[in-house]
Amino acid sequence: MIKKISKNVSRKKRHLRIRKIVQGTADRPRLSVYRSNTAVYAQLIDDVNQTTLFYARSQELGLKHSNIESAKAVGKLIAEKAITGGIKNVVFDRSGYLYHGRIKRTSRCCS
């Protein structure tokens, strides 16, 4: 019988391949996105100093579902926090998720 590899294991392998290339700095932090069944999370991470600069999640906005609308709202929230913090450019880290739906970057948020 053929064993089926779970989607999460495949995602984690893709994430490790992405992380070999993508690295954030204080001037251009990494925008890491995580999605669960109930929420969407975004973080701006400085990999050089190993610190999280800003974060946003859909529960902050009172959203109960993890859908495209809540992902857009979280994106706007993290962009507002980044602009107030003086960050204009980020490196997008999709965390192994397919570039589609909730993870797709619709426009440049901070330029």
PDB file of N, CA and C in Angstrom:
ATOM      1  N   MET A   1       0.831  -1.180   0.000  1.00  0.00           N
ATOM      2  CA  MET A   1       0.000   0.000   0.000  1.00  0.00           C
ATOM      3  C   MET A   1       0.875   1.243   0.000  1.00  0.00           C
ATOM      4  N   ILE A   2       0.503   2.209  -0.779  1.00  0.00           N
ATOM      5  CA  ILE A   2       1.278   3.442  -0.898  1.00  0.00           C
ATOM      6  C   ILE A   2       0.892   4.387   0.228  1.00  0.00           C
ATOM      7  N   LYS A   3       1.908   4.890   0.925  1.00  0.00           N
ATOM      8  CA  LYS A   3       1.657   5.847   1.997  1.00  0.00           C
ATOM      9  C   LYS A   3       1.521   7.234   1.395  1.00  0.00           C
ATOM     10  N   LYS A   4       0.509   7.966   1.807  1.00  0.00           N
ATOM     11  CA  LYS A   4       0.306   9.320   1.328  1.00  0.00           C
ATOM     12  C   LYS A   4       0.993  10.288   2.278  1.00  0.00           C
ATOM     13  N   ILE A   5       1.785  11.177   1.708  1.00  0.00           N
ATOM     14  CA  ILE A   5       2.467  12.191   2.512  1.00  0.00           C
ATOM     15  C   ILE A   5       1.462  13.292   2.818  1.00  0.00           C
ATOM     16  N   SER A   6       1.412  13.705   4.079  1.00  0.00           N
ATOM     17  CA  SER A   6       0.437  14.718   4.468  1.00  0.00           C
ATOM     18  C   SER A   6       0.789  16.069   3.858  1.00  0.00           C
ATOM     19  N   LYS A   7      -0.220  16.907   3.723  1.00  0.00           N
ATOM     20  CA  LYS A   7      -0.027  18.234   3.148  1.00  0.00           C
ATOM     21  C   LYS A   7       0.884  19.081   4.022  1.00  0.00           C
ATOM     22  N   ASN A   8       0.785  18.908   5.330  1.00  0.00           N
ATOM     23  CA  ASN A   8       1.596  19.730   6.230  1.00  0.00           C
ATOM     24  C   ASN A   8       3.072  19.347   6.154  1.00  0.00           C
ATOM     25  N   VAL A   9       3.376  18.069   5.969  1.00  0.00           N
ATOM     26  CA  VAL A   9       4.767  17.645   5.830  1.00  0.00           C
ATOM     27  C   VAL A   9       5.352  18.214   4.540  1.00  0.00           C
ATOM     28  N   SER A  10       4.581  18.183   3.462  1.00  0.00           N
ATOM     29  CA  SER A  10       5.035  18.752   2.198  1.00  0.00           C
ATOM     30  C   SER A  10       5.230  20.257   2.319  1.00  0.00           C
ATOM     31  N   ARG A  11       4.324  20.930   3.037  1.00  0.00           N
ATOM     32  CA  ARG A  11       4.438  22.374   3.237  1.00  0.00           C
ATOM     33  C   ARG A  11       5.700  22.709   4.011  1.00  0.00           C
ATOM     34  N   LYS A  12       5.998  21.929   5.044  1.00  0.00           N
ATOM     35  CA  LYS A  12       7.194  22.192   5.844  1.00  0.00           C
ATOM     36  C   LYS A  12       8.469  21.990   5.038  1.00  0.00           C
ATOM     37  N   LYS A  13       8.480  21.024   4.127  1.00  0.00           N
ATOM     38  CA  LYS A  13       9.640  20.844   3.247  1.00  0.00           C
ATOM     39  C   LYS A  13       9.807  22.045   2.324  1.00  0.00           C
ATOM     40  N   ARG A  14       8.701  22.526   1.754  1.00  0.00           N
ATOM     41  CA  ARG A  14       8.762  23.712   0.903  1.00  0.00           C
ATOM     42  C   ARG A  14       9.236  24.919   1.698  1.00  0.00           C
ATOM     43  N   HIS A  15       8.764  25.024   2.937  1.00  0.00           N
ATOM     44  CA  HIS A  15       9.149  26.148   3.787  1.00  0.00           C
ATOM     45  C   HIS A  15      10.657  26.147   4.046  1.00  0.00           C
ATOM     46  N   LEU A  16      11.238  24.987   4.289  1.00  0.00           N
ATOM     47  CA  LEU A  16      12.682  24.914   4.506  1.00  0.00           C
ATOM     48  C   LEU A  16      13.454  25.313   3.254  1.00  0.00           C
ATOM     49  N   ARG A  17      12.958  24.931   2.072  1.00  0.00           N
ATOM     50  CA  ARG A  17      13.610  25.346   0.821  1.00  0.00           C
ATOM     51  C   ARG A  17      13.548  26.859   0.650  1.00  0.00           C
ATOM     52  N   ILE A  18      12.413  27.447   1.007  1.00  0.00           N
ATOM     53  CA  ILE A  18      12.255  28.897   0.897  1.00  0.00           C
ATOM     54  C   ILE A  18      13.171  29.611   1.886  1.00  0.00           C
ATOM     55  N   ARG A  19      13.257  29.089   3.104  1.00  0.00           N
ATOM     56  CA  ARG A  19      14.033  29.749   4.152  1.00  0.00           C
ATOM     57  C   ARG A  19      15.528  29.725   3.883  1.00  0.00           C
ATOM     58  N   LYS A  20      15.998  28.817   3.012  1.00  0.00           N
ATOM     59  CA  LYS A  20      17.406  28.834   2.634  1.00  0.00           C
ATOM     60  C   LYS A  20      17.748  30.110   1.882  1.00  0.00           C
ATOM     61  N   ILE A  21      16.770  30.670   1.181  1.00  0.00           N
ATOM     62  CA  ILE A  21      16.987  31.822   0.321  1.00  0.00           C
ATOM     63  C   ILE A  21      16.556  33.121   0.989  1.00  0.00           C
ATOM     64  N   VAL A  22      15.384  33.120   1.610  1.00  0.00           N
ATOM     65  CA  VAL A  22      14.780  34.344   2.134  1.00  0.00           C
ATOM     66  C   VAL A  22      15.330  34.645   3.518  1.00  0.00           C
ATOM     67  N   GLN A  23      15.838  35.868   3.688  1.00  0.00           N
ATOM     68  CA  GLN A  23      16.337  36.302   4.983  1.00  0.00           C
ATOM     69  C   GLN A  23      15.984  37.769   5.180  1.00  0.00           C
ATOM     70  N   GLY A  24      15.525  38.112   6.366  1.00  0.00           N
ATOM     71  CA  GLY A  24      15.141  39.483   6.667  1.00  0.00           C
ATOM     72  C   GLY A  24      16.204  40.210   7.457  1.00  0.00           C
ATOM     73  N   THR A  25      16.253  41.518   7.260  1.00  0.00           N
ATOM     74  CA  THR A  25      17.166  42.365   8.009  1.00  0.00           C
ATOM     75  C   THR A  25      16.341  43.431   8.724  1.00  0.00           C
ATOM     76  N   ALA A  26      17.010  44.309   9.449  1.00  0.00           N
ATOM     77  CA  ALA A  26      16.282  45.371  10.152  1.00  0.00           C
ATOM     78  C   ALA A  26      15.679  46.353   9.159  1.00  0.00           C
ATOM     79  N   ASP A  27      16.379  46.622   8.051  1.00  0.00           N
ATOM     80  CA  ASP A  27      15.862  47.549   7.044  1.00  0.00           C
ATOM     81  C   ASP A  27      14.785  46.906   6.167  1.00  0.00           C
ATOM     82  N   ARG A  28      14.937  45.625   5.886  1.00  0.00           N
ATOM     83  CA  ARG A  28      13.993  44.903   5.033  1.00  0.00           C
ATOM     84  C   ARG A  28      13.639  43.579   5.702  1.00  0.00           C
ATOM     85  N   PRO A  29      12.698  43.599   6.649  1.00  0.00           N
ATOM     86  CA  PRO A  29      12.367  42.384   7.395  1.00  0.00           C
ATOM     87  C   PRO A  29      11.586  41.386   6.549  1.00  0.00           C
ATOM     88  N   ARG A  30      11.540  40.175   7.056  1.00  0.00           N
ATOM     89  CA  ARG A  30      10.820  39.091   6.397  1.00  0.00           C
ATOM     90  C   ARG A  30       9.371  39.109   6.868  1.00  0.00           C
ATOM     91  N   LEU A  31       8.444  39.130   5.917  1.00  0.00           N
ATOM     92  CA  LEU A  31       7.014  39.068   6.220  1.00  0.00           C
ATOM     93  C   LEU A  31       6.600  37.611   6.155  1.00  0.00           C
ATOM     94  N   SER A  32       6.480  36.989   7.309  1.00  0.00           N
ATOM     95  CA  SER A  32       6.125  35.583   7.396  1.00  0.00           C
ATOM     96  C   SER A  32       4.630  35.451   7.635  1.00  0.00           C
ATOM     97  N   VAL A  33       3.997  34.556   6.874  1.00  0.00           N
ATOM     98  CA  VAL A  33       2.554  34.366   6.942  1.00  0.00           C
ATOM     99  C   VAL A  33       2.263  32.947   7.395  1.00  0.00           C
ATOM    100  N   TYR A  34       1.329  32.806   8.315  1.00  0.00           N
ATOM    101  CA  TYR A  34       0.866  31.493   8.755  1.00  0.00           C
ATOM    102  C   TYR A  34      -0.650  31.503   8.740  1.00  0.00           C
ATOM    103  N   ARG A  35      -1.226  30.437   8.274  1.00  0.00           N
ATOM    104  CA  ARG A  35      -2.686  30.335   8.262  1.00  0.00           C
ATOM    105  C   ARG A  35      -3.090  29.051   8.955  1.00  0.00           C
ATOM    106  N   SER A  36      -4.128  29.146   9.729  1.00  0.00           N
ATOM    107  CA  SER A  36      -4.722  27.967  10.345  1.00  0.00           C
ATOM    108  C   SER A  36      -6.164  27.884   9.882  1.00  0.00           C
ATOM    109  N   ASN A  37      -6.895  26.929  10.398  1.00  0.00           N
ATOM    110  CA  ASN A  37      -8.297  26.809  10.019  1.00  0.00           C
ATOM    111  C   ASN A  37      -9.135  27.948  10.572  1.00  0.00           C
ATOM    112  N   THR A  38      -8.676  28.577  11.639  1.00  0.00           N
ATOM    113  CA  THR A  38      -9.482  29.591  12.300  1.00  0.00           C
ATOM    114  C   THR A  38      -8.908  31.002  12.203  1.00  0.00           C
ATOM    115  N   ALA A  39      -7.628  31.160  11.829  1.00  0.00           N
ATOM    116  CA  ALA A  39      -7.027  32.483  11.869  1.00  0.00           C
ATOM    117  C   ALA A  39      -5.917  32.610  10.836  1.00  0.00           C
ATOM    118  N   VAL A  40      -5.536  33.865  10.589  1.00  0.00           N
ATOM    119  CA  VAL A  40      -4.406  34.197   9.727  1.00  0.00           C
ATOM    120  C   VAL A  40      -3.450  35.049  10.559  1.00  0.00           C
ATOM    121  N   TYR A  41      -2.170  34.727  10.501  1.00  0.00           N
ATOM    122  CA  TYR A  41      -1.156  35.428  11.269  1.00  0.00           C
ATOM    123  C   TYR A  41      -0.097  35.976  10.323  1.00  0.00           C
ATOM    124  N   ALA A  42       0.469  37.129  10.649  1.00  0.00           N
ATOM    125  CA  ALA A  42       1.570  37.714   9.881  1.00  0.00           C
ATOM    126  C   ALA A  42       2.567  38.324  10.860  1.00  0.00           C
ATOM    127  N   GLN A  43       3.848  38.140  10.556  1.00  0.00           N
ATOM    128  CA  GLN A  43       4.911  38.681  11.394  1.00  0.00           C
ATOM    129  C   GLN A  43       5.955  39.355  10.529  1.00  0.00           C
ATOM    130  N   LEU A  44       6.534  40.431  11.018  1.00  0.00           N
ATOM    131  CA  LEU A  44       7.710  41.037  10.410  1.00  0.00           C
ATOM    132  C   LEU A  44       8.899  40.660  11.281  1.00  0.00           C
ATOM    133  N   ILE A  45       9.842  39.925  10.689  1.00  0.00           N
ATOM    134  CA  ILE A  45      10.919  39.315  11.459  1.00  0.00           C
ATOM    135  C   ILE A  45      12.272  39.819  10.962  1.00  0.00           C
ATOM    136  N   ASP A  46      13.115  40.206  11.897  1.00  0.00           N
ATOM    137  CA  ASP A  46      14.504  40.553  11.617  1.00  0.00           C
ATOM    138  C   ASP A  46      15.338  39.314  11.926  1.00  0.00           C
ATOM    139  N   ASP A  47      15.810  38.620  10.884  1.00  0.00           N
ATOM    140  CA  ASP A  47      16.544  37.377  11.089  1.00  0.00           C
ATOM    141  C   ASP A  47      17.965  37.592  11.588  1.00  0.00           C
ATOM    142  N   VAL A  48      18.536  38.755  11.335  1.00  0.00           N
ATOM    143  CA  VAL A  48      19.894  39.027  11.787  1.00  0.00           C
ATOM    144  C   VAL A  48      19.925  39.101  13.315  1.00  0.00           C
ATOM    145  N   ASN A  49      18.995  39.844  13.908  1.00  0.00           N
ATOM    146  CA  ASN A  49      18.926  39.979  15.363  1.00  0.00           C
ATOM    147  C   ASN A  49      17.979  38.983  16.003  1.00  0.00           C
ATOM    148  N   GLN A  50      17.321  38.157  15.204  1.00  0.00           N
ATOM    149  CA  GLN A  50      16.380  37.132  15.660  1.00  0.00           C
ATOM    150  C   GLN A  50      15.285  37.718  16.542  1.00  0.00           C
ATOM    151  N   THR A  51      14.619  38.767  16.017  1.00  0.00           N
ATOM    152  CA  THR A  51      13.533  39.397  16.747  1.00  0.00           C
ATOM    153  C   THR A  51      12.327  39.573  15.845  1.00  0.00           C
ATOM    154  N   THR A  52      11.168  39.559  16.458  1.00  0.00           N
ATOM    155  CA  THR A  52       9.927  39.870  15.756  1.00  0.00           C
ATOM    156  C   THR A  52       9.648  41.350  15.960  1.00  0.00           C
ATOM    157  N   LEU A  53       9.570  42.083  14.862  1.00  0.00           N
ATOM    158  CA  LEU A  53       9.368  43.527  14.954  1.00  0.00           C
ATOM    159  C   LEU A  53       7.892  43.866  15.166  1.00  0.00           C
ATOM    160  N   PHE A  54       7.021  43.313  14.337  1.00  0.00           N
ATOM    161  CA  PHE A  54       5.582  43.552  14.438  1.00  0.00           C
ATOM    162  C   PHE A  54       4.848  42.261  14.105  1.00  0.00           C
ATOM    163  N   TYR A  55       3.634  42.155  14.611  1.00  0.00           N
ATOM    164  CA  TYR A  55       2.802  41.014  14.244  1.00  0.00           C
ATOM    165  C   TYR A  55       1.356  41.466  14.161  1.00  0.00           C
ATOM    166  N   ALA A  56       0.578  40.685  13.431  1.00  0.00           N
ATOM    167  CA  ALA A  56      -0.855  40.935  13.312  1.00  0.00           C
ATOM    168  C   ALA A  56      -1.550  39.588  13.171  1.00  0.00           C
ATOM    169  N   ARG A  57      -2.762  39.531  13.659  1.00  0.00           N
ATOM    170  CA  ARG A  57      -3.545  38.306  13.532  1.00  0.00           C
ATOM    171  C   ARG A  57      -5.004  38.668  13.388  1.00  0.00           C
ATOM    172  N   SER A  58      -5.762  37.756  12.858  1.00  0.00           N
ATOM    173  CA  SER A  58      -7.157  38.060  12.562  1.00  0.00           C
ATOM    174  C   SER A  58      -7.994  38.206  13.838  1.00  0.00           C
ATOM    175  N   GLN A  59      -7.580  37.618  14.952  1.00  0.00           N
ATOM    176  CA  GLN A  59      -8.331  37.782  16.195  1.00  0.00           C
ATOM    177  C   GLN A  59      -8.259  39.210  16.723  1.00  0.00           C
ATOM    178  N   GLU A  60      -7.194  39.947  16.393  1.00  0.00           N
ATOM    179  CA  GLU A  60      -7.103  41.346  16.817  1.00  0.00           C
ATOM    180  C   GLU A  60      -8.225  42.180  16.215  1.00  0.00           C
ATOM    181  N   LEU A  61      -8.648  41.796  15.036  1.00  0.00           N
ATOM    182  CA  LEU A  61      -9.700  42.527  14.338  1.00  0.00           C
ATOM    183  C   LEU A  61     -11.086  41.978  14.640  1.00  0.00           C
ATOM    184  N   GLY A  62     -11.164  40.950  15.461  1.00  0.00           N
ATOM    185  CA  GLY A  62     -12.443  40.361  15.817  1.00  0.00           C
ATOM    186  C   GLY A  62     -13.019  39.448  14.748  1.00  0.00           C
ATOM    187  N   LEU A  63     -12.171  38.991  13.827  1.00  0.00           N
ATOM    188  CA  LEU A  63     -12.632  38.113  12.755  1.00  0.00           C
ATOM    189  C   LEU A  63     -12.589  36.665  13.234  1.00  0.00           C
ATOM    190  N   LYS A  64     -13.628  35.919  12.946  1.00  0.00           N
ATOM    191  CA  LYS A  64     -13.742  34.551  13.443  1.00  0.00           C
ATOM    192  C   LYS A  64     -13.277  33.509  12.436  1.00  0.00           C
ATOM    193  N   HIS A  65     -13.203  33.863  11.154  1.00  0.00           N
ATOM    194  CA  HIS A  65     -12.904  32.873  10.140  1.00  0.00           C
ATOM    195  C   HIS A  65     -11.575  33.187   9.456  1.00  0.00           C
ATOM    196  N   SER A  66     -10.989  32.170   8.863  1.00  0.00           N
ATOM    197  CA  SER A  66      -9.753  32.331   8.118  1.00  0.00           C
ATOM    198  C   SER A  66     -10.089  32.262   6.636  1.00  0.00           C
ATOM    199  N   ASN A  67     -10.451  33.420   6.066  1.00  0.00           N
ATOM    200  CA  ASN A  67     -10.797  33.464   4.649  1.00  0.00           C
ATOM    201  C   ASN A  67     -10.027  34.592   3.979  1.00  0.00           C
ATOM    202  N   ILE A  68     -10.303  34.828   2.719  1.00  0.00           N
ATOM    203  CA  ILE A  68      -9.547  35.826   1.959  1.00  0.00           C
ATOM    204  C   ILE A  68      -9.761  37.223   2.524  1.00  0.00           C
ATOM    205  N   GLU A  69     -10.984  37.534   2.943  1.00  0.00           N
ATOM    206  CA  GLU A  69     -11.255  38.865   3.497  1.00  0.00           C
ATOM    207  C   GLU A  69     -10.464  39.109   4.783  1.00  0.00           C
ATOM    208  N   SER A  70     -10.388  38.104   5.650  1.00  0.00           N
ATOM    209  CA  SER A  70      -9.622  38.280   6.883  1.00  0.00           C
ATOM    210  C   SER A  70      -8.128  38.370   6.581  1.00  0.00           C
ATOM    211  N   ALA A  71      -7.658  37.666   5.535  1.00  0.00           N
ATOM    212  CA  ALA A  71      -6.251  37.767   5.152  1.00  0.00           C
ATOM    213  C   ALA A  71      -5.928  39.164   4.646  1.00  0.00           C
ATOM    214  N   LYS A  72      -6.840  39.756   3.875  1.00  0.00           N
ATOM    215  CA  LYS A  72      -6.630  41.128   3.402  1.00  0.00           C
ATOM    216  C   LYS A  72      -6.608  42.107   4.572  1.00  0.00           C
ATOM    217  N   ALA A  73      -7.502  41.904   5.534  1.00  0.00           N
ATOM    218  CA  ALA A  73      -7.546  42.792   6.703  1.00  0.00           C
ATOM    219  C   ALA A  73      -6.268  42.682   7.526  1.00  0.00           C
ATOM    220  N   VAL A  74      -5.756  41.463   7.694  1.00  0.00           N
ATOM    221  CA  VAL A  74      -4.502  41.270   8.432  1.00  0.00           C
ATOM    222  C   VAL A  74      -3.345  41.906   7.665  1.00  0.00           C
ATOM    223  N   GLY A  75      -3.367  41.798   6.335  1.00  0.00           N
ATOM    224  CA  GLY A  75      -2.336  42.429   5.518  1.00  0.00           C
ATOM    225  C   GLY A  75      -2.330  43.940   5.663  1.00  0.00           C
ATOM    226  N   LYS A  76      -3.523  44.538   5.688  1.00  0.00           N
ATOM    227  CA  LYS A  76      -3.598  45.988   5.880  1.00  0.00           C
ATOM    228  C   LYS A  76      -3.104  46.388   7.262  1.00  0.00           C
ATOM    229  N   LEU A  77      -3.459  45.592   8.271  1.00  0.00           N
ATOM    230  CA  LEU A  77      -3.043  45.893   9.641  1.00  0.00           C
ATOM    231  C   LEU A  77      -1.532  45.807   9.788  1.00  0.00           C
ATOM    232  N   ILE A  78      -0.914  44.771   9.253  1.00  0.00           N
ATOM    233  CA  ILE A  78       0.545  44.643   9.375  1.00  0.00           C
ATOM    234  C   ILE A  78       1.245  45.725   8.549  1.00  0.00           C
ATOM    235  N   ALA A  79       0.640  46.137   7.432  1.00  0.00           N
ATOM    236  CA  ALA A  79       1.226  47.214   6.633  1.00  0.00           C
ATOM    237  C   ALA A  79       1.173  48.535   7.382  1.00  0.00           C
ATOM    238  N   GLU A  80       0.065  48.814   8.062  1.00  0.00           N
ATOM    239  CA  GLU A  80      -0.039  50.045   8.851  1.00  0.00           C
ATOM    240  C   GLU A  80       0.982  50.061   9.975  1.00  0.00           C
ATOM    241  N   LYS A  81       1.147  48.908  10.647  1.00  0.00           N
ATOM    242  CA  LYS A  81       2.131  48.832  11.725  1.00  0.00           C
ATOM    243  C   LYS A  81       3.544  49.022  11.193  1.00  0.00           C
ATOM    244  N   ALA A  82       3.813  48.454  10.010  1.00  0.00           N
ATOM    245  CA  ALA A  82       5.147  48.573   9.423  1.00  0.00           C
ATOM    246  C   ALA A  82       5.439  50.013   9.024  1.00  0.00           C
ATOM    247  N   ILE A  83       4.468  50.683   8.450  1.00  0.00           N
ATOM    248  CA  ILE A  83       4.675  52.069   8.021  1.00  0.00           C
ATOM    249  C   ILE A  83       4.892  52.977   9.223  1.00  0.00           C
ATOM    250  N   THR A  84       4.126  52.779  10.304  1.00  0.00           N
ATOM    251  CA  THR A  84       4.350  53.588  11.505  1.00  0.00           C
ATOM    252  C   THR A  84       5.711  53.289  12.131  1.00  0.00           C
ATOM    253  N   GLY A  85       6.221  52.069  11.916  1.00  0.00           N
ATOM    254  CA  GLY A  85       7.547  51.718  12.428  1.00  0.00           C
ATOM    255  C   GLY A  85       8.678  52.125  11.509  1.00  0.00           C
ATOM    256  N   GLY A  86       8.357  52.724  10.358  1.00  0.00           N
ATOM    257  CA  GLY A  86       9.386  53.201   9.451  1.00  0.00           C
ATOM    258  C   GLY A  86       9.893  52.162   8.466  1.00  0.00           C
ATOM    259  N   ILE A  87       9.165  51.085   8.275  1.00  0.00           N
ATOM    260  CA  ILE A  87       9.569  50.031   7.344  1.00  0.00           C
ATOM    261  C   ILE A  87       8.818  50.228   6.039  1.00  0.00           C
ATOM    262  N   LYS A  88       9.569  50.310   4.944  1.00  0.00           N
ATOM    263  CA  LYS A  88       8.943  50.543   3.644  1.00  0.00           C
ATOM    264  C   LYS A  88       9.013  49.322   2.736  1.00  0.00           C
ATOM    265  N   ASN A  89       9.989  48.441   2.913  1.00  0.00           N
ATOM    266  CA  ASN A  89      10.150  47.261   2.072  1.00  0.00           C
ATOM    267  C   ASN A  89      10.235  46.016   2.941  1.00  0.00           C
ATOM    268  N   VAL A  90       9.670  44.938   2.449  1.00  0.00           N
ATOM    269  CA  VAL A  90       9.735  43.661   3.148  1.00  0.00           C
ATOM    270  C   VAL A  90      10.083  42.564   2.150  1.00  0.00           C
ATOM    271  N   VAL A  91      10.525  41.427   2.688  1.00  0.00           N
ATOM    272  CA  VAL A  91      10.757  40.222   1.903  1.00  0.00           C
ATOM    273  C   VAL A  91       9.611  39.280   2.244  1.00  0.00           C
ATOM    274  N   PHE A  92       8.886  38.822   1.230  1.00  0.00           N
ATOM    275  CA  PHE A  92       7.695  38.007   1.460  1.00  0.00           C
ATOM    276  C   PHE A  92       8.073  36.543   1.626  1.00  0.00           C
ATOM    277  N   ASP A  93       7.651  35.943   2.730  1.00  0.00           N
ATOM    278  CA  ASP A  93       7.880  34.534   3.026  1.00  0.00           C
ATOM    279  C   ASP A  93       6.519  33.867   3.118  1.00  0.00           C
ATOM    280  N   ARG A  94       6.179  33.043   2.126  1.00  0.00           N
ATOM    281  CA  ARG A  94       4.860  32.421   2.086  1.00  0.00           C
ATOM    282  C   ARG A  94       4.781  31.170   2.954  1.00  0.00           C
ATOM    283  N   SER A  95       5.858  30.787   3.593  1.00  0.00           N
ATOM    284  CA  SER A  95       5.917  29.673   4.542  1.00  0.00           C
ATOM    285  C   SER A  95       5.511  28.339   3.942  1.00  0.00           C
ATOM    286  N   GLY A  96       5.794  28.146   2.678  1.00  0.00           N
ATOM    287  CA  GLY A  96       5.504  26.873   2.046  1.00  0.00           C
ATOM    288  C   GLY A  96       4.097  26.731   1.515  1.00  0.00           C
ATOM    289  N   TYR A  97       3.245  27.707   1.783  1.00  0.00           N
ATOM    290  CA  TYR A  97       1.889  27.660   1.259  1.00  0.00           C
ATOM    291  C   TYR A  97       1.907  28.016  -0.224  1.00  0.00           C
ATOM    292  N   LEU A  98       0.946  27.493  -0.963  1.00  0.00           N
ATOM    293  CA  LEU A  98       0.840  27.842  -2.365  1.00  0.00           C
ATOM    294  C   LEU A  98       0.479  29.314  -2.488  1.00  0.00           C
ATOM    295  N   TYR A  99       1.016  29.950  -3.509  1.00  0.00           N
ATOM    296  CA  TYR A  99       0.795  31.381  -3.723  1.00  0.00           C
ATOM    297  C   TYR A  99      -0.573  31.553  -4.372  1.00  0.00           C
ATOM    298  N   HIS A 100      -1.603  31.394  -3.564  1.00  0.00           N
ATOM    299  CA  HIS A 100      -2.961  31.406  -4.085  1.00  0.00           C
ATOM    300  C   HIS A 100      -3.925  31.639  -2.921  1.00  0.00           C
ATOM    301  N   GLY A 101      -5.004  32.348  -3.170  1.00  0.00           N
ATOM    302  CA  GLY A 101      -6.038  32.512  -2.151  1.00  0.00           C
ATOM    303  C   GLY A 101      -5.617  33.403  -1.010  1.00  0.00           C
ATOM    304  N   ARG A 102      -5.595  32.847   0.204  1.00  0.00           N
ATOM    305  CA  ARG A 102      -5.301  33.643   1.393  1.00  0.00           C
ATOM    306  C   ARG A 102      -3.862  34.121   1.456  1.00  0.00           C
ATOM    307  N   ILE A 103      -2.952  33.461   0.757  1.00  0.00           N
ATOM    308  CA  ILE A 103      -1.538  33.795   0.847  1.00  0.00           C
ATOM    309  C   ILE A 103      -1.094  34.726  -0.271  1.00  0.00           C
ATOM    310  N   LYS A 104      -1.858  34.846  -1.322  1.00  0.00           N
ATOM    311  CA  LYS A 104      -1.433  35.633  -2.466  1.00  0.00           C
ATOM    312  C   LYS A 104      -1.300  37.107  -2.119  1.00  0.00           C
ATOM    313  N   ARG A 105      -0.185  37.685  -2.516  1.00  0.00           N
ATOM    314  CA  ARG A 105       0.080  39.100  -2.306  1.00  0.00           C
ATOM    315  C   ARG A 105      -0.588  39.856  -3.448  1.00  0.00           C
ATOM    316  N   THR A 106      -1.595  40.666  -3.151  1.00  0.00           N
ATOM    317  CA  THR A 106      -2.348  41.336  -4.199  1.00  0.00           C
ATOM    318  C   THR A 106      -1.680  42.620  -4.663  1.00  0.00           C
ATOM    319  N   SER A 107      -0.974  43.300  -3.785  1.00  0.00           N
ATOM    320  CA  SER A 107      -0.288  44.524  -4.182  1.00  0.00           C
ATOM    321  C   SER A 107       0.875  44.770  -3.243  1.00  0.00           C
ATOM    322  N   ARG A 108       1.698  45.693  -3.593  1.00  0.00           N
ATOM    323  CA  ARG A 108       2.802  46.060  -2.715  1.00  0.00           C
ATOM    324  C   ARG A 108       2.241  46.861  -1.550  1.00  0.00           C
ATOM    325  N   CYS A 109       2.380  46.323  -0.351  1.00  0.00           N
ATOM    326  CA  CYS A 109       1.712  46.944   0.790  1.00  0.00           C
ATOM    327  C   CYS A 109       2.466  48.147   1.341  1.00  0.00           C
ATOM    328  N   CYS A 110       3.755  48.169   1.211  1.00  0.00           N
ATOM    329  CA  CYS A 110       4.521  49.179   1.939  1.00  0.00           C
ATOM    330  C   CYS A 110       5.277  50.141   1.039  1.00  0.00           C
ATOM    331  N   SER A 111       5.039  50.152  -0.241  1.00  0.00           N
ATOM    332  CA  SER A 111       5.803  51.063  -1.084  1.00  0.00           C
ATOM    333  C   SER A 111       4.997  52.287  -1.454  1.00  0.00           C
TER     334      SER A 111
END
